[in-house]
Amino acid sequence: MLHLLVADGNDREGRARRAQATGENSAEAYAGILREVAPDAVCTLVEPADSDAGLPPGEGLGGFDGVVFTGSTLHVTDDLPAVRRQIELMRVCLDSGLPVFGSCWGVQVAAAIAGGRTGRNPRGPEYGFARDLSPTPAGLAHPLLAGRPSSYDAPAMHLDAVIEPPPGAVVLAGNALLDVQAIEIRHGAGLFWGTQYHPELDLDDLAAMLRLSAGEVVEAGVRPDAAAVGAYADELCRIAEAPEGSPELTQRHELGPEILEDARRRREITNFLDVLVRPRAQAMR
């Protein structure tokens, strides 16, 4: 059995918007994916952005085998209590020696505590998919990316990114828009693996995120207007419902097996659990 702590990166408003759009907040959705990937996973959900959110009574970090940080609508560069509390949780988790995984927001928080620089990506945002991701020479041999091909796509939803990796970090993958798409960060006694893209997002969840961010997507020039964002999201939902029955749409949107097949899309999450979390859990039992 794996005991996992799942930290929702959003504040109350962000969680409410996500739940209204999809029926669950980011931590609940991520926990569902973790249980699909590892049926023996038991997930405890926390909301570290809130001042009154903490571990359940009687539980400490020592009771967990690993930690996962979700995405967020917040910005690491904003000096807000909701941000500072999450930075502190990441620091404590890594100082305690826990393996930590994060997508998008999680990568930026980990980089910030280890001395990296985060902020708005000067090359532009990625709304929908990160295209033509390529492992670095270090990434080709790294277990986080085991099974990934030499070029692949992944769901992505971000304006901010890691602009300068922390000293000593190992950049594992990048693409034309962003050098740091996957990374390993050692801090304290802990080890962080993460991706700027979202291996946890199914296509219907990605569609919901696009609708929620329609204004930003239009402002970035990714789609001409809100109606076009909605139409794009609708087509992604149609593909999610029946990918084998949507060859025209999958071809139009250039979606291959690394996007369409659950096991391939979630590969980094599986690798994190199998390589870092499960051996630690077995050794601690």
Protein backbone atom coordinates (compact mmCIF):
# COMPACT_ATOMS: atom_id res chain seq x y z
CA MET A 1 0.00 0.00 0.00
CA LEU A 2 1.21 3.49 -0.88
CA HIS A 3 0.34 6.43 1.37
CA LEU A 4 0.41 9.62 -0.70
CA LEU A 5 -0.12 13.24 0.27
CA VAL A 6 -1.75 15.27 -2.50
CA ALA A 7 -1.41 19.06 -2.11
CA ASP A 8 -3.90 21.16 -4.07
CA GLY A 9 -2.09 24.20 -5.44
CA ASN A 10 -5.17 26.42 -5.70
CA ASP A 11 -6.68 28.80 -3.19
CA ARG A 12 -10.37 28.57 -2.27
CA GLU A 13 -11.50 30.55 -5.31
CA GLY A 14 -9.42 28.47 -7.69
CA ARG A 15 -10.66 25.22 -6.18
CA ALA A 16 -14.27 26.37 -6.43
CA ARG A 17 -13.89 27.33 -10.10
CA ARG A 18 -12.26 24.00 -10.90
CA ALA A 19 -14.93 22.05 -9.04
CA GLN A 20 -17.73 23.98 -10.74
CA ALA A 21 -16.25 23.21 -14.16
CA THR A 22 -15.43 19.54 -13.63
CA GLY A 23 -17.18 18.36 -10.47
CA GLU A 24 -13.96 18.02 -8.46
CA ASN A 25 -11.00 20.12 -7.43
CA SER A 26 -7.43 19.55 -8.64
CA ALA A 27 -6.39 17.37 -5.70
CA GLU A 28 -9.47 15.16 -6.03
CA ALA A 29 -8.84 14.74 -9.76
CA TYR A 30 -5.14 13.99 -9.22
CA ALA A 31 -5.93 11.46 -6.50
CA GLY A 32 -8.24 9.69 -8.93
CA ILE A 33 -5.43 9.39 -11.46
CA LEU A 34 -3.00 8.17 -8.79
CA ARG A 35 -5.43 5.43 -7.78
CA GLU A 36 -5.84 4.39 -11.42
CA VAL A 37 -2.08 4.20 -11.89
CA ALA A 38 -1.53 2.52 -8.50
CA PRO A 39 -4.69 0.81 -7.21
CA ASP A 40 -3.04 0.31 -3.81
CA ALA A 41 -2.57 4.07 -3.32
CA VAL A 42 -4.28 5.73 -0.36
CA CYS A 43 -4.42 9.50 -0.85
CA THR A 44 -4.70 12.20 1.79
CA LEU A 45 -5.72 15.56 0.32
CA VAL A 46 -4.60 18.89 1.76
CA GLU A 47 -5.16 22.52 0.77
CA PRO A 48 -1.95 24.29 1.80
CA ALA A 49 -2.96 27.65 0.32
CA ASP A 50 -5.45 28.05 3.19
CA SER A 51 -4.35 29.23 6.62
CA ASP A 52 -6.61 26.69 8.30
CA ALA A 53 -5.58 23.72 6.15
CA GLY A 54 -3.20 21.15 7.53
CA LEU A 55 -2.67 17.45 7.93
CA PRO A 56 -5.49 15.49 9.53
CA PRO A 57 -5.23 15.21 13.33
CA GLY A 58 -2.69 12.61 14.37
CA GLU A 59 -0.95 12.48 10.99
CA GLY A 60 2.57 13.71 10.26
CA LEU A 61 4.71 13.70 7.15
CA GLY A 62 6.46 10.59 8.37
CA GLY A 63 3.32 8.60 7.62
CA PHE A 64 3.55 9.27 3.87
CA ASP A 65 5.56 7.53 1.19
CA GLY A 66 5.44 10.40 -1.28
CA VAL A 67 3.92 13.78 -2.04
CA VAL A 68 2.27 15.19 -5.17
CA PHE A 69 1.68 18.89 -5.89
CA THR A 70 -1.04 19.77 -8.39
CA GLY A 71 -1.27 22.71 -10.77
CA SER A 72 -2.55 26.12 -9.70
CA THR A 73 -3.87 29.44 -10.97
CA LEU A 74 -1.54 31.23 -8.54
CA HIS A 75 1.87 32.70 -9.39
CA VAL A 76 4.99 31.79 -7.43
CA THR A 77 6.30 35.32 -7.92
CA ASP A 78 3.35 36.82 -6.03
CA ASP A 79 4.24 37.49 -2.40
CA LEU A 80 0.96 36.19 -0.99
CA PRO A 81 0.25 34.06 2.08
CA ALA A 82 -1.35 31.40 -0.13
CA VAL A 83 1.91 31.14 -2.08
CA ARG A 84 4.25 31.34 0.91
CA ARG A 85 2.42 28.53 2.69
CA GLN A 86 2.87 26.22 -0.28
CA ILE A 87 6.54 27.09 -0.64
CA GLU A 88 6.97 26.20 3.02
CA LEU A 89 5.15 22.88 2.61
CA MET A 90 7.39 21.96 -0.33
CA ARG A 91 10.44 22.89 1.72
CA VAL A 92 9.34 20.81 4.70
CA CYS A 93 8.48 17.81 2.51
CA LEU A 94 11.88 17.82 0.84
CA ASP A 95 13.78 18.53 4.05
CA SER A 96 12.08 15.48 5.57
CA GLY A 97 13.45 13.28 2.79
CA LEU A 98 10.17 12.57 1.01
CA PRO A 99 10.07 12.01 -2.75
CA VAL A 100 7.93 14.73 -4.33
CA PHE A 101 6.31 14.98 -7.75
CA GLY A 102 4.75 18.08 -9.22
CA SER A 103 3.27 19.19 -12.50
CA CYS A 104 3.26 22.83 -13.64
CA TRP A 105 2.83 24.77 -10.35
CA GLY A 106 4.67 22.07 -8.42
CA VAL A 107 7.75 22.43 -10.63
CA GLN A 108 7.80 26.17 -10.14
CA VAL A 109 7.46 25.90 -6.34
CA ALA A 110 10.26 23.33 -6.11
CA ALA A 111 12.52 25.44 -8.32
CA ALA A 112 11.85 28.54 -6.23
CA ILE A 113 12.89 26.98 -2.93
CA ALA A 114 16.05 25.51 -4.48
CA GLY A 115 17.28 28.83 -5.90
CA GLY A 116 15.85 28.82 -9.41
CA ARG A 117 13.98 31.64 -11.12
CA THR A 118 10.35 31.40 -12.14
CA GLY A 119 8.07 33.81 -13.95
CA ARG A 120 6.20 34.44 -17.15
CA ASN A 121 7.78 32.51 -19.98
CA PRO A 122 9.26 35.12 -22.36
CA ARG A 123 8.69 32.76 -25.30
CA GLY A 124 4.98 32.54 -24.63
CA PRO A 125 2.45 30.30 -22.90
CA GLU A 126 1.31 26.80 -23.79
CA TYR A 127 -2.46 26.33 -23.78
CA GLY A 128 -3.55 22.90 -24.90
CA PHE A 129 -0.42 20.90 -25.62
CA ALA A 130 3.33 21.15 -25.27
CA ARG A 131 4.59 20.07 -28.66
CA ASP A 132 7.78 18.33 -29.76
CA LEU A 133 9.14 17.70 -26.30
CA SER A 134 12.62 16.21 -26.40
CA PRO A 135 14.62 14.61 -23.59
CA THR A 136 17.98 16.21 -22.90
CA PRO A 137 21.05 13.95 -22.89
CA ALA A 138 20.52 13.54 -19.14
CA GLY A 139 16.81 12.91 -19.69
CA LEU A 140 17.45 10.09 -22.16
CA ALA A 141 18.86 7.99 -19.34
CA HIS A 142 16.66 9.28 -16.54
CA PRO A 143 13.97 7.01 -15.04
CA LEU A 144 11.38 9.81 -14.92
CA LEU A 145 11.19 9.73 -18.73
CA ALA A 146 11.65 5.99 -19.14
CA GLY A 147 9.49 4.86 -22.05
CA ARG A 148 9.12 8.29 -23.62
CA PRO A 149 10.17 8.54 -27.29
CA SER A 150 12.72 11.00 -28.63
CA SER A 151 9.91 13.46 -29.43
CA TYR A 152 6.49 13.58 -27.82
CA ASP A 153 3.57 15.87 -26.97
CA ALA A 154 1.76 16.31 -23.66
CA PRO A 155 -1.17 18.29 -22.23
CA ALA A 156 -0.05 21.73 -21.07
CA MET A 157 -1.66 24.78 -19.48
CA HIS A 158 0.76 27.43 -18.31
CA LEU A 159 1.73 31.05 -18.53
CA ASP A 160 4.55 30.87 -15.94
CA ALA A 161 7.51 28.52 -16.04
CA VAL A 162 10.97 27.85 -14.64
CA ILE A 163 13.12 30.39 -16.45
CA GLU A 164 16.41 29.46 -14.75
CA PRO A 165 16.78 26.06 -13.11
CA PRO A 166 18.21 25.88 -9.59
CA PRO A 167 21.93 25.24 -9.15
CA GLY A 168 22.61 21.53 -9.40
CA ALA A 169 19.23 20.68 -10.88
CA VAL A 170 19.08 18.29 -13.83
CA VAL A 171 16.96 19.47 -16.75
CA LEU A 172 15.43 16.38 -18.36
CA ALA A 173 13.33 17.68 -21.27
CA GLY A 174 12.50 20.84 -23.16
CA ASN A 175 11.03 22.14 -26.40
CA ALA A 176 11.20 25.22 -28.60
CA LEU A 177 9.05 27.27 -26.20
CA LEU A 178 10.66 26.26 -22.93
CA ASP A 179 13.99 24.79 -21.92
CA VAL A 180 12.71 23.34 -18.63
CA GLN A 181 9.82 20.98 -19.37
CA ALA A 182 10.97 18.21 -17.01
CA ILE A 183 13.45 18.42 -14.16
CA GLU A 184 15.04 16.71 -11.18
CA ILE A 185 15.79 18.84 -8.11
CA ARG A 186 17.61 17.66 -5.01
CA HIS A 187 16.93 19.74 -1.91
CA GLY A 188 17.63 18.85 1.66
CA ALA A 189 17.26 15.12 2.07
CA GLY A 190 14.49 14.95 -0.54
CA LEU A 191 14.22 14.47 -4.26
CA PHE A 192 11.80 16.24 -6.57
CA TRP A 193 10.79 15.05 -10.02
CA GLY A 194 8.39 17.08 -12.09
CA THR A 195 7.09 18.28 -15.41
CA GLN A 196 5.90 21.67 -16.57
CA TYR A 197 3.34 19.84 -18.68
CA HIS A 198 0.41 17.91 -17.18
CA PRO A 199 0.64 14.11 -17.48
CA GLU A 200 -2.37 13.86 -15.15
CA LEU A 201 -4.81 15.72 -17.42
CA ASP A 202 -7.24 13.68 -19.49
CA LEU A 203 -8.59 15.41 -22.57
CA ASP A 204 -11.95 16.25 -21.02
CA ASP A 205 -10.18 17.84 -18.02
CA LEU A 206 -7.92 19.75 -20.39
CA ALA A 207 -11.01 20.98 -22.24
CA ALA A 208 -12.50 22.24 -18.97
CA MET A 209 -9.26 24.07 -18.15
CA LEU A 210 -9.27 25.72 -21.57
CA ARG A 211 -12.82 26.96 -21.05
CA LEU A 212 -11.90 28.34 -17.62
CA SER A 213 -8.90 30.13 -19.13
CA ALA A 214 -10.62 31.27 -22.34
CA GLY A 215 -9.71 34.92 -21.82
CA GLU A 216 -6.04 34.14 -21.35
CA VAL A 217 -6.04 31.75 -24.31
CA VAL A 218 -7.47 34.45 -26.58
CA GLU A 219 -5.11 37.10 -25.18
CA ALA A 220 -2.15 34.84 -25.93
CA GLY A 221 -3.30 34.48 -29.54
CA VAL A 222 -3.74 30.71 -29.31
CA ARG A 223 -7.40 30.98 -30.40
CA PRO A 224 -9.11 34.01 -31.99
CA ASP A 225 -12.03 34.32 -29.56
CA ALA A 226 -13.93 32.62 -26.75
CA ALA A 227 -16.21 30.82 -29.21
CA ALA A 228 -13.17 29.25 -30.88
CA VAL A 229 -11.83 28.15 -27.48
CA GLY A 230 -15.19 26.53 -26.72
CA ALA A 231 -15.29 24.77 -30.08
CA TYR A 232 -11.76 23.46 -29.58
CA ALA A 233 -12.67 22.23 -26.10
CA ASP A 234 -15.78 20.52 -27.47
CA GLU A 235 -13.70 18.65 -30.02
CA LEU A 236 -11.25 17.50 -27.35
CA CYS A 237 -14.21 16.14 -25.37
CA ARG A 238 -15.45 14.26 -28.42
CA ILE A 239 -12.02 12.69 -28.82
CA ALA A 240 -11.93 11.81 -25.11
CA GLU A 241 -15.29 10.02 -25.39
CA ALA A 242 -14.27 7.89 -28.38
CA PRO A 243 -10.69 8.40 -29.65
CA GLU A 244 -10.94 5.37 -31.95
CA GLY A 245 -14.05 6.90 -33.50
CA SER A 246 -12.55 10.35 -34.07
CA PRO A 247 -9.73 9.85 -36.61
CA GLU A 248 -10.54 13.10 -38.40
CA LEU A 249 -10.33 15.12 -35.17
CA THR A 250 -7.22 13.40 -33.87
CA GLN A 251 -5.50 14.03 -37.19
CA ARG A 252 -6.65 17.66 -37.31
CA HIS A 253 -5.29 18.32 -33.84
CA GLU A 254 -2.20 16.16 -34.37
CA LEU A 255 -2.84 13.90 -31.40
CA GLY A 256 -0.82 10.70 -31.29
CA PRO A 257 -0.63 7.79 -28.85
CA GLU A 258 1.45 9.72 -26.29
CA ILE A 259 -1.64 11.91 -25.83
CA LEU A 260 -4.45 9.48 -26.55
CA GLU A 261 -3.36 6.43 -24.55
CA ASP A 262 -3.77 6.80 -20.79
CA ALA A 263 -0.71 4.75 -19.86
CA ARG A 264 1.56 6.74 -22.16
CA ARG A 265 0.17 10.12 -21.19
CA ARG A 266 0.64 9.36 -17.47
CA ARG A 267 4.06 7.78 -17.86
CA GLU A 268 5.95 10.20 -15.59
CA ILE A 269 3.49 9.65 -12.74
CA THR A 270 3.87 5.88 -13.04
CA ASN A 271 7.66 6.16 -13.16
CA PHE A 272 7.72 8.38 -10.07
CA LEU A 273 5.62 5.91 -8.10
CA ASP A 274 7.48 2.81 -9.30
CA VAL A 275 11.02 4.17 -9.02
CA LEU A 276 10.96 6.52 -6.03
CA VAL A 277 7.85 5.89 -3.95
CA ARG A 278 7.22 2.14 -3.99
CA PRO A 279 10.79 1.07 -3.09
CA ARG A 280 10.83 3.60 -0.25
CA ALA A 281 7.48 2.36 1.02
CA GLN A 282 8.68 -1.25 0.97
CA ALA A 283 11.89 -0.36 2.79
CA MET A 284 9.99 1.55 5.48
CA ARG A 285 7.46 -1.20 6.21
